[in-house]
């Protein structure tokens, strides 16, 4: 049994993946699903391979992705980026899904 309620702060926590990641449920898709809680003023850098994209779902607070602001219940689809700077001025909870393009 996996405990999906535990969220580390200011890091991406893998909850499901096709890779053997500690704590993540193994899935049969070329994807990794992360949960995160980002505290006020903190940031996470995320690097993407050239054939990858991400979907981001903000579940609480506001999240800046490479300088663009998204609020609670907003979604973002990111393609053609080599890296992402995820930051929050007031705190945020979100789900990030890394997928093949």
Protein backbone atom coordinates (compact mmCIF):
# COMPACT_ATOMS: atom_id res chain seq x y z
CA UNK A 1 0.00 0.00 0.00
CA UNK A 2 1.23 3.47 -0.92
CA UNK A 3 0.55 6.47 1.32
CA UNK A 4 -0.34 9.22 -1.15
CA UNK A 5 -1.33 11.71 1.54
CA UNK A 6 2.28 12.50 2.45
CA UNK A 7 3.51 15.52 0.52
CA UNK A 8 7.05 16.81 0.93
CA UNK A 9 7.25 20.60 0.84
CA UNK A 10 9.15 22.43 -1.90
CA UNK A 11 9.91 19.26 -3.87
CA UNK A 12 8.13 17.23 -6.53
CA UNK A 13 6.97 13.98 -4.96
CA UNK A 14 6.40 11.16 -7.50
CA UNK A 15 3.12 9.34 -6.87
CA UNK A 16 2.83 7.26 -10.06
CA UNK A 17 5.31 6.46 -12.84
CA UNK A 18 6.44 3.97 -15.46
CA UNK A 19 9.87 4.26 -13.81
CA UNK A 20 10.82 2.52 -10.58
CA UNK A 21 10.72 5.60 -8.34
CA UNK A 22 10.70 5.29 -4.56
CA UNK A 23 7.17 5.62 -3.20
CA UNK A 24 5.50 5.82 -6.62
CA UNK A 25 2.85 3.44 -7.92
CA UNK A 26 4.00 1.66 -11.10
CA UNK A 27 1.81 2.54 -14.12
CA UNK A 28 1.79 1.30 -17.72
CA UNK A 29 2.16 4.72 -19.40
CA UNK A 30 5.15 6.81 -20.48
CA UNK A 31 4.48 9.35 -17.75
CA UNK A 32 5.32 10.40 -14.21
CA UNK A 33 2.77 12.10 -11.95
CA UNK A 34 4.05 14.35 -9.16
CA UNK A 35 2.34 16.15 -6.27
CA UNK A 36 3.87 19.24 -4.69
CA UNK A 37 3.29 21.79 -1.98
CA UNK A 38 5.31 24.94 -2.60
CA UNK A 39 5.69 27.36 0.29
CA UNK A 40 5.53 31.14 -0.07
CA UNK A 41 8.66 32.48 -1.78
CA UNK A 42 10.06 29.04 -2.66
CA UNK A 43 10.84 27.59 -6.08
CA UNK A 44 11.47 24.31 -7.85
CA UNK A 45 13.52 23.90 -11.02
CA UNK A 46 12.40 21.11 -13.37
CA UNK A 47 14.34 19.97 -16.44
CA UNK A 48 12.61 18.39 -19.44
CA UNK A 49 14.02 16.17 -22.16
CA UNK A 50 13.39 17.44 -25.71
CA UNK A 51 10.64 14.87 -26.38
CA UNK A 52 8.75 15.62 -23.11
CA UNK A 53 6.07 18.03 -22.02
CA UNK A 54 4.18 18.67 -18.80
CA UNK A 55 0.62 19.21 -17.71
CA UNK A 56 0.17 21.19 -14.50
CA UNK A 57 -3.01 21.41 -12.40
CA UNK A 58 -3.07 23.99 -9.60
CA UNK A 59 -5.16 22.65 -6.72
CA UNK A 60 -4.60 25.52 -4.26
CA UNK A 61 -2.95 28.95 -4.17
CA UNK A 62 -1.09 30.49 -7.09
CA UNK A 63 1.79 29.08 -9.10
CA UNK A 64 4.17 30.84 -11.46
CA UNK A 65 5.53 28.72 -14.31
CA UNK A 66 8.43 30.47 -16.04
CA UNK A 67 6.94 33.80 -14.91
CA UNK A 68 3.32 33.17 -15.95
CA UNK A 69 0.83 33.05 -13.07
CA UNK A 70 -1.82 30.36 -12.64
CA UNK A 71 -4.47 30.29 -9.90
CA UNK A 72 -6.48 27.64 -8.09
CA UNK A 73 -8.07 25.16 -10.54
CA UNK A 74 -6.04 26.53 -13.49
CA UNK A 75 -4.28 24.16 -15.87
CA UNK A 76 -1.17 24.62 -17.98
CA UNK A 77 0.20 22.57 -20.87
CA UNK A 78 3.90 23.16 -21.44
CA UNK A 79 5.76 22.06 -24.58
CA UNK A 80 9.05 23.06 -26.22
CA UNK A 81 10.72 24.13 -22.97
CA UNK A 82 14.02 22.76 -21.69
CA UNK A 83 13.41 23.79 -18.09
CA UNK A 84 10.69 25.14 -15.85
CA UNK A 85 10.94 27.48 -12.90
CA UNK A 86 7.99 26.76 -10.61
CA UNK A 87 7.56 29.43 -7.93
CA UNK A 88 4.90 30.93 -5.70
CA UNK A 89 4.57 34.30 -3.97
CA UNK A 90 1.83 33.06 -1.63
CA UNK A 91 2.11 29.26 -1.62
CA UNK A 92 0.66 26.60 -3.89
CA UNK A 93 -0.34 22.98 -4.19
CA UNK A 94 -0.27 21.38 -7.61
CA UNK A 95 0.00 18.21 -9.68
CA UNK A 96 2.60 17.99 -12.47
CA UNK A 97 2.42 15.24 -15.09
CA UNK A 98 5.52 14.62 -17.24
CA UNK A 99 4.49 13.02 -20.57
CA UNK A 100 6.00 12.10 -23.90
CA UNK A 101 5.07 14.42 -26.78
